[in-house]
């Protein structure tokens, strides 16, 4: 029993060391910061895209006013949502970018041994997380055309009620995917023959 606990502890230490080694590379750190900011902006712009597009189409709107509208709907409105929703958006931005970096490192190291499970887990976690973030109905605004096309329009209210739950499930998928990728990177398959 203690041997198994020690083995799991060693695996976790290897995973943390691998993550630190990956993030020590300057380009990976820059990619993490820039990617997190980009995903954060995407998560904030998607729900209000229609409002921004309509506002920018108004004749005679100055550039300064356009910037003010952008900041109001994308940045300032972020301060008005609940703390756990803010934390969820930030965590999803950082972890999704980290997952992408880990996936790229994984595919570079083991192109021939690429597992379908890691790809499916990465993509499903990112998609679920991105569609559940923001205000209660943000994800539904993006999913509504897809849900309607599938004939599930009557269930649209259910998605609105559980948008945060969907976001947390997506965050869970991203975390599991990142852990899976870290374990595969830290303990690559070795051919002993």
N, C-alpha and C. Protein backbone atom coordinates (compact mmCIF):
# COMPACT_ATOMS: atom_id res chain seq x y z
N UNK A 1 0.82 -1.19 0.00
CA UNK A 1 0.00 0.00 0.00
C UNK A 1 0.87 1.26 0.00
N UNK A 2 1.87 1.30 0.89
CA UNK A 2 2.74 2.48 0.94
C UNK A 2 3.56 2.61 -0.32
N UNK A 3 3.87 1.48 -0.92
CA UNK A 3 4.63 1.50 -2.17
C UNK A 3 3.81 2.17 -3.28
N UNK A 4 2.50 1.89 -3.33
CA UNK A 4 1.63 2.52 -4.34
C UNK A 4 1.49 4.02 -4.11
N UNK A 5 1.36 4.42 -2.86
CA UNK A 5 1.25 5.84 -2.53
C UNK A 5 2.54 6.55 -2.91
N UNK A 6 3.68 5.94 -2.59
CA UNK A 6 4.97 6.53 -2.94
C UNK A 6 5.12 6.63 -4.45
N UNK A 7 4.69 5.60 -5.16
CA UNK A 7 4.78 5.60 -6.63
C UNK A 7 3.92 6.72 -7.23
N UNK A 8 2.70 6.88 -6.71
CA UNK A 8 1.83 7.95 -7.19
C UNK A 8 2.42 9.32 -6.87
N UNK A 9 3.03 9.44 -5.69
CA UNK A 9 3.68 10.70 -5.32
C UNK A 9 4.82 11.01 -6.28
N UNK A 10 5.61 10.02 -6.63
CA UNK A 10 6.73 10.21 -7.56
C UNK A 10 6.22 10.61 -8.94
N UNK A 11 5.12 10.02 -9.37
CA UNK A 11 4.52 10.38 -10.66
C UNK A 11 4.08 11.84 -10.64
N UNK A 12 3.44 12.27 -9.54
CA UNK A 12 2.99 13.66 -9.42
C UNK A 12 4.18 14.63 -9.42
N UNK A 13 5.27 14.26 -8.73
CA UNK A 13 6.47 15.10 -8.71
C UNK A 13 7.05 15.20 -10.12
N UNK A 14 7.09 14.09 -10.84
CA UNK A 14 7.57 14.11 -12.23
C UNK A 14 6.71 15.02 -13.10
N UNK A 15 5.40 14.96 -12.90
CA UNK A 15 4.50 15.80 -13.69
C UNK A 15 4.72 17.28 -13.39
N UNK A 16 4.89 17.63 -12.13
CA UNK A 16 5.13 19.02 -11.76
C UNK A 16 6.47 19.49 -12.33
N UNK A 17 7.51 18.66 -12.22
CA UNK A 17 8.81 19.02 -12.78
C UNK A 17 8.73 19.19 -14.29
N UNK A 18 7.97 18.33 -14.96
CA UNK A 18 7.80 18.45 -16.41
C UNK A 18 7.09 19.76 -16.76
N UNK A 19 6.04 20.10 -16.02
CA UNK A 19 5.33 21.35 -16.25
C UNK A 19 6.25 22.54 -16.06
N UNK A 20 7.02 22.53 -14.98
CA UNK A 20 7.95 23.64 -14.73
C UNK A 20 9.01 23.72 -15.83
N UNK A 21 9.48 22.58 -16.29
CA UNK A 21 10.46 22.55 -17.38
C UNK A 21 9.87 23.14 -18.66
N UNK A 22 8.64 22.79 -18.96
CA UNK A 22 7.97 23.31 -20.15
C UNK A 22 7.77 24.82 -20.04
N UNK A 23 7.36 25.28 -18.86
CA UNK A 23 7.09 26.71 -18.67
C UNK A 23 8.36 27.54 -18.50
N UNK A 24 9.52 26.89 -18.27
CA UNK A 24 10.78 27.62 -18.20
C UNK A 24 11.19 28.15 -19.56
N UNK A 25 10.75 27.49 -20.59
CA UNK A 25 11.06 27.98 -21.93
C UNK A 25 10.35 29.30 -22.14
N UNK A 26 11.12 30.28 -22.57
CA UNK A 26 10.59 31.63 -22.70
C UNK A 26 9.39 31.70 -23.63
N UNK A 27 9.45 31.00 -24.76
CA UNK A 27 8.36 31.07 -25.73
C UNK A 27 7.08 30.43 -25.19
N UNK A 28 7.22 29.40 -24.39
CA UNK A 28 6.03 28.78 -23.79
C UNK A 28 5.38 29.71 -22.78
N UNK A 29 6.21 30.43 -22.01
CA UNK A 29 5.67 31.39 -21.05
C UNK A 29 4.98 32.54 -21.76
N UNK A 30 5.60 33.04 -22.82
CA UNK A 30 5.00 34.12 -23.60
C UNK A 30 3.69 33.63 -24.22
N UNK A 31 3.70 32.40 -24.75
CA UNK A 31 2.48 31.83 -25.34
C UNK A 31 1.39 31.67 -24.29
N UNK A 32 1.77 31.28 -23.08
CA UNK A 32 0.78 31.12 -22.00
C UNK A 32 0.13 32.46 -21.66
N UNK A 33 0.93 33.50 -21.53
CA UNK A 33 0.39 34.82 -21.17
C UNK A 33 -0.46 35.39 -22.31
N UNK A 34 0.11 35.39 -23.51
CA UNK A 34 -0.62 35.96 -24.67
C UNK A 34 -1.87 35.13 -25.00
N UNK A 35 -1.74 33.82 -24.97
CA UNK A 35 -2.88 32.96 -25.25
C UNK A 35 -3.99 33.11 -24.23
N UNK A 36 -3.61 33.22 -22.96
CA UNK A 36 -4.62 33.41 -21.91
C UNK A 36 -5.36 34.72 -22.09
N UNK A 37 -4.61 35.77 -22.43
CA UNK A 37 -5.26 37.07 -22.68
C UNK A 37 -6.19 37.00 -23.89
N UNK A 38 -5.73 36.32 -24.95
CA UNK A 38 -6.56 36.19 -26.16
C UNK A 38 -7.83 35.40 -25.88
N UNK A 39 -7.71 34.29 -25.17
CA UNK A 39 -8.89 33.48 -24.86
C UNK A 39 -9.81 34.24 -23.92
N UNK A 40 -9.25 34.97 -22.96
CA UNK A 40 -10.07 35.79 -22.08
C UNK A 40 -10.89 36.79 -22.90
N UNK A 41 -10.24 37.48 -23.83
CA UNK A 41 -10.96 38.44 -24.67
C UNK A 41 -12.02 37.76 -25.52
N UNK A 42 -11.71 36.59 -26.05
CA UNK A 42 -12.70 35.86 -26.85
C UNK A 42 -13.90 35.49 -25.98
N UNK A 43 -13.62 35.01 -24.77
CA UNK A 43 -14.71 34.63 -23.87
C UNK A 43 -15.57 35.83 -23.48
N UNK A 44 -14.98 36.99 -23.46
CA UNK A 44 -15.74 38.20 -23.11
C UNK A 44 -16.42 38.83 -24.32
N UNK A 45 -15.84 38.67 -25.53
CA UNK A 45 -16.41 39.30 -26.72
C UNK A 45 -17.57 38.50 -27.30
N UNK A 46 -17.46 37.19 -27.32
CA UNK A 46 -18.48 36.35 -27.96
C UNK A 46 -19.90 36.66 -27.47
N UNK A 47 -20.13 36.77 -26.17
CA UNK A 47 -21.51 37.04 -25.72
C UNK A 47 -22.05 38.41 -26.13
N UNK A 48 -21.18 39.39 -26.32
CA UNK A 48 -21.63 40.75 -26.63
C UNK A 48 -21.28 41.16 -28.06
N UNK A 49 -20.94 40.21 -28.89
CA UNK A 49 -20.53 40.51 -30.26
C UNK A 49 -21.62 41.26 -31.02
N UNK A 50 -22.85 40.83 -30.88
CA UNK A 50 -23.97 41.48 -31.56
C UNK A 50 -24.13 42.93 -31.14
N UNK A 51 -23.98 43.19 -29.85
CA UNK A 51 -24.09 44.56 -29.34
C UNK A 51 -22.96 45.42 -29.90
N UNK A 52 -21.75 44.88 -29.87
CA UNK A 52 -20.60 45.63 -30.39
C UNK A 52 -20.76 45.92 -31.88
N UNK A 53 -21.18 44.91 -32.63
CA UNK A 53 -21.34 45.08 -34.07
C UNK A 53 -22.39 46.15 -34.39
N UNK A 54 -23.51 46.10 -33.68
CA UNK A 54 -24.57 47.08 -33.88
C UNK A 54 -24.11 48.48 -33.48
N UNK A 55 -23.41 48.58 -32.37
CA UNK A 55 -22.93 49.88 -31.89
C UNK A 55 -21.92 50.49 -32.86
N UNK A 56 -21.03 49.66 -33.38
CA UNK A 56 -20.01 50.16 -34.30
C UNK A 56 -20.60 50.57 -35.65
N UNK A 57 -21.77 50.08 -35.97
CA UNK A 57 -22.41 50.43 -37.25
C UNK A 57 -23.11 51.78 -37.20
N UNK A 58 -23.24 52.37 -36.03
CA UNK A 58 -23.88 53.69 -35.90
C UNK A 58 -23.05 54.74 -36.64
N UNK A 59 -23.71 55.58 -37.43
CA UNK A 59 -22.96 56.60 -38.17
C UNK A 59 -22.44 57.70 -37.24
N UNK A 60 -21.25 58.20 -37.55
CA UNK A 60 -20.69 59.31 -36.79
C UNK A 60 -20.10 58.95 -35.44
N UNK A 61 -19.93 57.66 -35.16
CA UNK A 61 -19.37 57.23 -33.88
C UNK A 61 -17.85 57.39 -33.92
N UNK A 62 -17.31 58.16 -32.99
CA UNK A 62 -15.87 58.41 -32.99
C UNK A 62 -15.11 57.17 -32.54
N UNK A 63 -13.82 57.15 -32.87
CA UNK A 63 -12.96 56.03 -32.50
C UNK A 63 -12.87 55.90 -30.98
N UNK A 64 -12.78 57.02 -30.29
CA UNK A 64 -12.70 57.02 -28.83
C UNK A 64 -13.96 56.42 -28.23
N UNK A 65 -15.11 56.76 -28.79
CA UNK A 65 -16.38 56.21 -28.29
C UNK A 65 -16.45 54.71 -28.55
N UNK A 66 -15.93 54.26 -29.70
CA UNK A 66 -15.89 52.82 -29.99
C UNK A 66 -15.04 52.08 -28.96
N UNK A 67 -13.91 52.65 -28.61
CA UNK A 67 -13.04 52.05 -27.58
C UNK A 67 -13.78 52.03 -26.25
N UNK A 68 -14.48 53.09 -25.93
CA UNK A 68 -15.23 53.17 -24.67
C UNK A 68 -16.32 52.11 -24.63
N UNK A 69 -17.02 51.92 -25.72
CA UNK A 69 -18.07 50.87 -25.80
C UNK A 69 -17.44 49.50 -25.62
N UNK A 70 -16.32 49.27 -26.28
CA UNK A 70 -15.63 47.99 -26.16
C UNK A 70 -15.23 47.72 -24.71
N UNK A 71 -14.61 48.71 -24.08
CA UNK A 71 -14.19 48.54 -22.68
C UNK A 71 -15.39 48.33 -21.76
N UNK A 72 -16.47 49.05 -22.00
CA UNK A 72 -17.67 48.91 -21.16
C UNK A 72 -18.23 47.49 -21.21
N UNK A 73 -18.40 46.97 -22.42
CA UNK A 73 -19.04 45.66 -22.56
C UNK A 73 -18.10 44.49 -22.33
N UNK A 74 -16.82 44.66 -22.59
CA UNK A 74 -15.89 43.53 -22.50
C UNK A 74 -15.15 43.51 -21.16
N UNK A 75 -14.64 44.64 -20.73
CA UNK A 75 -13.81 44.67 -19.53
C UNK A 75 -14.59 45.11 -18.29
N UNK A 76 -15.26 46.26 -18.34
CA UNK A 76 -15.95 46.76 -17.16
C UNK A 76 -17.08 45.83 -16.72
N UNK A 77 -17.78 45.24 -17.66
CA UNK A 77 -18.86 44.32 -17.29
C UNK A 77 -18.32 43.09 -16.58
N UNK A 78 -17.05 42.76 -16.81
CA UNK A 78 -16.43 41.63 -16.13
C UNK A 78 -16.38 41.86 -14.62
N UNK A 79 -16.23 43.10 -14.20
CA UNK A 79 -16.16 43.39 -12.77
C UNK A 79 -17.53 43.30 -12.10
N UNK A 80 -18.59 43.25 -12.88
CA UNK A 80 -19.95 43.19 -12.32
C UNK A 80 -20.51 41.78 -12.19
N UNK A 81 -19.80 40.79 -12.71
CA UNK A 81 -20.29 39.42 -12.54
C UNK A 81 -19.76 38.88 -11.21
N UNK A 82 -20.33 37.79 -10.75
CA UNK A 82 -19.95 37.26 -9.44
C UNK A 82 -18.49 36.78 -9.43
N UNK A 83 -17.94 36.69 -8.23
CA UNK A 83 -16.53 36.33 -8.08
C UNK A 83 -16.23 34.95 -8.66
N UNK A 84 -17.11 33.98 -8.40
CA UNK A 84 -16.81 32.63 -8.91
C UNK A 84 -16.92 32.57 -10.44
N UNK A 85 -17.75 33.41 -11.04
CA UNK A 85 -17.79 33.48 -12.50
C UNK A 85 -16.53 34.14 -13.04
N UNK A 86 -16.03 35.16 -12.36
CA UNK A 86 -14.77 35.78 -12.75
C UNK A 86 -13.63 34.77 -12.66
N UNK A 87 -13.59 34.06 -11.55
CA UNK A 87 -12.56 33.05 -11.34
C UNK A 87 -12.64 31.96 -12.40
N UNK A 88 -13.84 31.58 -12.76
CA UNK A 88 -14.05 30.55 -13.78
C UNK A 88 -13.53 31.01 -15.13
N UNK A 89 -13.81 32.24 -15.51
CA UNK A 89 -13.34 32.77 -16.80
C UNK A 89 -11.82 32.82 -16.83
N UNK A 90 -11.21 33.32 -15.75
CA UNK A 90 -9.75 33.42 -15.70
C UNK A 90 -9.12 32.04 -15.69
N UNK A 91 -9.65 31.13 -14.87
CA UNK A 91 -9.10 29.77 -14.82
C UNK A 91 -9.23 29.07 -16.16
N UNK A 92 -10.37 29.21 -16.79
CA UNK A 92 -10.57 28.56 -18.08
C UNK A 92 -9.64 29.15 -19.14
N UNK A 93 -9.41 30.44 -19.09
CA UNK A 93 -8.48 31.07 -20.04
C UNK A 93 -7.07 30.52 -19.87
N UNK A 94 -6.60 30.48 -18.65
CA UNK A 94 -5.24 30.02 -18.37
C UNK A 94 -5.10 28.53 -18.65
N UNK A 95 -6.05 27.73 -18.14
CA UNK A 95 -5.94 26.28 -18.29
C UNK A 95 -6.14 25.83 -19.74
N UNK A 96 -6.99 26.50 -20.49
CA UNK A 96 -7.17 26.15 -21.89
C UNK A 96 -5.88 26.43 -22.67
N UNK A 97 -5.26 27.57 -22.40
CA UNK A 97 -4.00 27.89 -23.06
C UNK A 97 -2.91 26.90 -22.65
N UNK A 98 -2.85 26.57 -21.36
CA UNK A 98 -1.88 25.58 -20.89
C UNK A 98 -2.12 24.23 -21.56
N UNK A 99 -3.39 23.86 -21.71
CA UNK A 99 -3.73 22.60 -22.36
C UNK A 99 -3.27 22.60 -23.82
N UNK A 100 -3.44 23.70 -24.49
CA UNK A 100 -3.00 23.81 -25.89
C UNK A 100 -1.48 23.68 -25.97
N UNK A 101 -0.77 24.36 -25.06
CA UNK A 101 0.70 24.27 -25.05
C UNK A 101 1.14 22.84 -24.77
N UNK A 102 0.53 22.19 -23.78
CA UNK A 102 0.87 20.80 -23.47
C UNK A 102 0.57 19.88 -24.64
N UNK A 103 -0.54 20.13 -25.32
CA UNK A 103 -0.91 19.30 -26.47
C UNK A 103 0.12 19.47 -27.59
N UNK A 104 0.58 20.70 -27.81
CA UNK A 104 1.59 20.94 -28.84
C UNK A 104 2.90 20.25 -28.48
N UNK A 105 3.31 20.38 -27.21
CA UNK A 105 4.54 19.72 -26.76
C UNK A 105 4.40 18.21 -26.90
N UNK A 106 3.26 17.69 -26.51
CA UNK A 106 3.00 16.25 -26.61
C UNK A 106 3.07 15.77 -28.05
N UNK A 107 2.44 16.50 -28.96
CA UNK A 107 2.45 16.07 -30.37
C UNK A 107 3.83 16.22 -30.97
N UNK A 108 4.60 17.21 -30.54
CA UNK A 108 5.96 17.35 -31.05
C UNK A 108 6.85 16.21 -30.58
N UNK A 109 6.66 15.78 -29.35
CA UNK A 109 7.51 14.72 -28.80
C UNK A 109 7.11 13.33 -29.28
N UNK A 110 5.83 13.13 -29.49
CA UNK A 110 5.37 11.78 -29.80
C UNK A 110 4.40 11.79 -30.97
N UNK A 111 4.85 12.28 -32.10
CA UNK A 111 3.96 12.36 -33.25
C UNK A 111 3.45 11.00 -33.69
N UNK A 112 4.28 10.00 -33.62
CA UNK A 112 3.87 8.67 -34.07
C UNK A 112 2.98 7.97 -33.05
N UNK A 113 3.11 8.35 -31.79
CA UNK A 113 2.36 7.66 -30.74
C UNK A 113 1.15 8.46 -30.27
N UNK A 114 0.70 9.42 -31.07
CA UNK A 114 -0.40 10.30 -30.68
C UNK A 114 -1.66 9.50 -30.35
N UNK A 115 -2.15 9.73 -29.16
CA UNK A 115 -3.33 9.02 -28.69
C UNK A 115 -4.59 9.81 -29.02
N UNK A 116 -5.61 9.13 -29.50
CA UNK A 116 -6.87 9.80 -29.81
C UNK A 116 -7.55 10.30 -28.54
N UNK A 117 -7.33 9.61 -27.42
CA UNK A 117 -7.98 10.01 -26.17
C UNK A 117 -7.56 11.41 -25.74
N UNK A 118 -6.28 11.72 -25.84
CA UNK A 118 -5.83 13.04 -25.40
C UNK A 118 -6.40 14.13 -26.29
N UNK A 119 -6.49 13.88 -27.59
CA UNK A 119 -7.05 14.87 -28.52
C UNK A 119 -8.52 15.10 -28.22
N UNK A 120 -9.28 14.02 -28.03
CA UNK A 120 -10.71 14.14 -27.75
C UNK A 120 -10.94 14.84 -26.42
N UNK A 121 -10.16 14.49 -25.39
CA UNK A 121 -10.31 15.13 -24.08
C UNK A 121 -9.96 16.61 -24.15
N UNK A 122 -8.91 16.95 -24.88
CA UNK A 122 -8.51 18.36 -25.00
C UNK A 122 -9.60 19.17 -25.67
N UNK A 123 -10.06 18.69 -26.81
CA UNK A 123 -11.05 19.43 -27.59
C UNK A 123 -12.39 19.51 -26.84
N UNK A 124 -12.84 18.40 -26.26
CA UNK A 124 -14.13 18.42 -25.57
C UNK A 124 -14.09 19.32 -24.35
N UNK A 125 -12.99 19.32 -23.62
CA UNK A 125 -12.88 20.19 -22.46
C UNK A 125 -12.90 21.66 -22.85
N UNK A 126 -12.18 21.98 -23.91
CA UNK A 126 -12.15 23.38 -24.35
C UNK A 126 -13.52 23.83 -24.85
N UNK A 127 -14.18 22.99 -25.63
CA UNK A 127 -15.48 23.36 -26.20
C UNK A 127 -16.52 23.51 -25.09
N UNK A 128 -16.60 22.53 -24.20
CA UNK A 128 -17.58 22.62 -23.11
C UNK A 128 -17.32 23.83 -22.22
N UNK A 129 -16.06 24.07 -21.91
CA UNK A 129 -15.73 25.20 -21.06
C UNK A 129 -16.05 26.53 -21.71
N UNK A 130 -15.73 26.66 -22.98
CA UNK A 130 -15.96 27.92 -23.67
C UNK A 130 -17.44 28.24 -23.82
N UNK A 131 -18.29 27.21 -23.95
CA UNK A 131 -19.71 27.45 -24.13
C UNK A 131 -20.44 27.70 -22.83
N UNK A 132 -19.82 27.46 -21.69
CA UNK A 132 -20.52 27.65 -20.43
C UNK A 132 -20.08 28.87 -19.66
N UNK A 133 -19.14 29.64 -20.21
CA UNK A 133 -18.55 30.74 -19.46
C UNK A 133 -19.30 32.04 -19.69
N UNK A 134 -19.17 32.95 -18.75
CA UNK A 134 -19.74 34.28 -18.89
C UNK A 134 -20.97 34.42 -18.03
N UNK A 135 -21.94 35.11 -18.55
CA UNK A 135 -23.19 35.24 -17.81
C UNK A 135 -24.00 33.96 -18.00
N UNK A 136 -25.15 33.93 -17.43
CA UNK A 136 -25.94 32.71 -17.44
C UNK A 136 -26.29 32.24 -18.85
N UNK A 137 -26.51 33.15 -19.76
CA UNK A 137 -26.97 32.73 -21.09
C UNK A 137 -25.92 32.89 -22.19
N UNK A 138 -24.69 33.24 -21.85
CA UNK A 138 -23.68 33.50 -22.88
C UNK A 138 -23.43 32.27 -23.75
N UNK A 139 -23.24 31.14 -23.12
CA UNK A 139 -22.98 29.93 -23.89
C UNK A 139 -24.16 29.54 -24.76
N UNK A 140 -25.34 29.80 -24.29
CA UNK A 140 -26.54 29.46 -25.06
C UNK A 140 -26.64 30.33 -26.30
N UNK A 141 -26.19 31.58 -26.23
CA UNK A 141 -26.20 32.44 -27.42
C UNK A 141 -25.37 31.84 -28.54
N UNK A 142 -24.27 31.20 -28.17
CA UNK A 142 -23.41 30.58 -29.17
C UNK A 142 -23.96 29.23 -29.60
N UNK A 143 -24.50 28.49 -28.65
CA UNK A 143 -25.00 27.14 -28.93
C UNK A 143 -26.40 27.11 -29.55
N UNK A 144 -27.15 28.19 -29.42
CA UNK A 144 -28.55 28.19 -29.85
C UNK A 144 -28.75 27.73 -31.29
N UNK A 145 -27.99 28.23 -32.26
CA UNK A 145 -28.20 27.76 -33.64
C UNK A 145 -27.94 26.26 -33.79
N UNK A 146 -26.90 25.77 -33.12
CA UNK A 146 -26.57 24.33 -33.19
C UNK A 146 -27.67 23.49 -32.53
N UNK A 147 -28.12 23.93 -31.37
CA UNK A 147 -29.16 23.20 -30.65
C UNK A 147 -30.46 23.18 -31.46
N UNK A 148 -30.82 24.31 -32.06
CA UNK A 148 -32.02 24.39 -32.87
C UNK A 148 -31.91 23.52 -34.11
N UNK A 149 -30.75 23.52 -34.74
CA UNK A 149 -30.54 22.70 -35.93
C UNK A 149 -30.68 21.22 -35.61
N UNK A 150 -30.34 20.84 -34.40
CA UNK A 150 -30.47 19.44 -33.98
C UNK A 150 -31.89 19.10 -33.53
N UNK A 151 -32.77 20.12 -33.51
CA UNK A 151 -34.15 19.88 -33.10
C UNK A 151 -34.34 19.87 -31.60
N UNK A 152 -33.43 20.47 -30.87
CA UNK A 152 -33.52 20.47 -29.42
C UNK A 152 -33.84 21.86 -28.86
N UNK A 153 -34.53 22.68 -29.64
CA UNK A 153 -34.86 24.04 -29.24
C UNK A 153 -35.64 24.13 -27.95
N UNK A 154 -36.45 23.13 -27.65
CA UNK A 154 -37.25 23.14 -26.42
C UNK A 154 -36.39 23.05 -25.17
N UNK A 155 -35.17 22.55 -25.32
CA UNK A 155 -34.29 22.37 -24.17
C UNK A 155 -33.34 23.55 -23.96
N UNK A 156 -33.55 24.63 -24.71
CA UNK A 156 -32.68 25.81 -24.62
C UNK A 156 -32.68 26.40 -23.21
N UNK A 157 -33.81 26.42 -22.56
CA UNK A 157 -33.91 26.95 -21.19
C UNK A 157 -33.09 26.14 -20.21
N UNK A 158 -33.01 24.84 -20.42
CA UNK A 158 -32.22 23.98 -19.55
C UNK A 158 -30.75 24.35 -19.63
N UNK A 159 -30.25 24.63 -20.85
CA UNK A 159 -28.86 25.02 -21.01
C UNK A 159 -28.59 26.35 -20.31
N UNK A 160 -29.55 27.26 -20.35
CA UNK A 160 -29.40 28.55 -19.69
C UNK A 160 -29.32 28.37 -18.18
N UNK A 161 -30.15 27.49 -17.63
CA UNK A 161 -30.16 27.25 -16.20
C UNK A 161 -28.84 26.66 -15.72
N UNK A 162 -28.25 25.81 -16.52
CA UNK A 162 -27.06 25.07 -16.10
C UNK A 162 -25.79 25.51 -16.81
N UNK A 163 -25.73 26.77 -17.25
CA UNK A 163 -24.56 27.27 -17.98
C UNK A 163 -23.29 27.20 -17.12
N UNK A 164 -23.40 27.57 -15.85
CA UNK A 164 -22.23 27.50 -14.97
C UNK A 164 -21.79 26.07 -14.74
N UNK A 165 -22.75 25.17 -14.59
CA UNK A 165 -22.42 23.76 -14.43
C UNK A 165 -21.69 23.23 -15.66
N UNK A 166 -22.16 23.62 -16.83
CA UNK A 166 -21.50 23.21 -18.07
C UNK A 166 -20.08 23.77 -18.11
N UNK A 167 -19.90 25.01 -17.66
CA UNK A 167 -18.57 25.60 -17.63
C UNK A 167 -17.66 24.86 -16.66
N UNK A 168 -18.18 24.48 -15.49
CA UNK A 168 -17.37 23.72 -14.53
C UNK A 168 -17.04 22.33 -15.06
N UNK A 169 -17.96 21.71 -15.75
CA UNK A 169 -17.68 20.41 -16.37
C UNK A 169 -16.59 20.57 -17.41
N UNK A 170 -16.68 21.63 -18.22
CA UNK A 170 -15.65 21.90 -19.21
C UNK A 170 -14.30 22.16 -18.57
N UNK A 171 -14.29 22.91 -17.46
CA UNK A 171 -13.06 23.16 -16.74
C UNK A 171 -12.48 21.85 -16.21
N UNK A 172 -13.35 20.97 -15.73
CA UNK A 172 -12.91 19.65 -15.28
C UNK A 172 -12.28 18.86 -16.40
N UNK A 173 -12.90 18.88 -17.59
CA UNK A 173 -12.33 18.20 -18.75
C UNK A 173 -10.95 18.76 -19.11
N UNK A 174 -10.82 20.08 -19.06
CA UNK A 174 -9.53 20.71 -19.39
C UNK A 174 -8.48 20.29 -18.37
N UNK A 175 -8.84 20.25 -17.09
CA UNK A 175 -7.89 19.85 -16.05
C UNK A 175 -7.49 18.39 -16.24
N UNK A 176 -8.46 17.51 -16.45
CA UNK A 176 -8.16 16.09 -16.67
C UNK A 176 -7.29 15.91 -17.90
N UNK A 177 -7.63 16.63 -18.96
CA UNK A 177 -6.84 16.55 -20.19
C UNK A 177 -5.41 17.02 -19.96
N UNK A 178 -5.25 18.12 -19.22
CA UNK A 178 -3.91 18.63 -18.94
C UNK A 178 -3.11 17.64 -18.10
N UNK A 179 -3.77 17.05 -17.09
CA UNK A 179 -3.08 16.05 -16.28
C UNK A 179 -2.69 14.83 -17.10
N UNK A 180 -3.58 14.39 -17.97
CA UNK A 180 -3.29 13.26 -18.83
C UNK A 180 -2.11 13.57 -19.75
N UNK A 181 -2.12 14.74 -20.35
CA UNK A 181 -1.02 15.13 -21.23
C UNK A 181 0.29 15.27 -20.46
N UNK A 182 0.24 15.85 -19.26
CA UNK A 182 1.44 15.97 -18.44
C UNK A 182 2.01 14.60 -18.08
N UNK A 183 1.13 13.68 -17.76
CA UNK A 183 1.60 12.33 -17.42
C UNK A 183 2.23 11.66 -18.63
N UNK A 184 1.61 11.82 -19.80
CA UNK A 184 2.18 11.23 -21.03
C UNK A 184 3.50 11.88 -21.41
N UNK A 185 3.63 13.19 -21.18
CA UNK A 185 4.87 13.87 -21.50
C UNK A 185 5.97 13.48 -20.51
N UNK A 186 5.63 13.39 -19.22
CA UNK A 186 6.62 13.08 -18.21
C UNK A 186 7.03 11.61 -18.20
N UNK A 187 6.16 10.74 -18.69
CA UNK A 187 6.47 9.31 -18.77
C UNK A 187 6.16 8.82 -20.19
N UNK A 188 7.03 9.17 -21.15
CA UNK A 188 6.75 8.77 -22.52
C UNK A 188 6.83 7.26 -22.70
N UNK A 189 6.12 6.79 -23.72
CA UNK A 189 6.18 5.37 -24.05
C UNK A 189 7.57 5.06 -24.56
N UNK A 190 8.16 3.99 -24.07
CA UNK A 190 9.50 3.58 -24.48
C UNK A 190 9.43 2.18 -25.03
N UNK A 191 10.01 2.02 -26.18
CA UNK A 191 10.06 0.69 -26.80
C UNK A 191 11.24 -0.06 -26.22
N UNK A 192 10.99 -1.16 -25.57
CA UNK A 192 12.06 -1.93 -24.93
C UNK A 192 12.59 -3.05 -25.81
N UNK A 193 12.05 -3.21 -27.00
CA UNK A 193 12.53 -4.31 -27.84
C UNK A 193 13.71 -3.92 -28.70
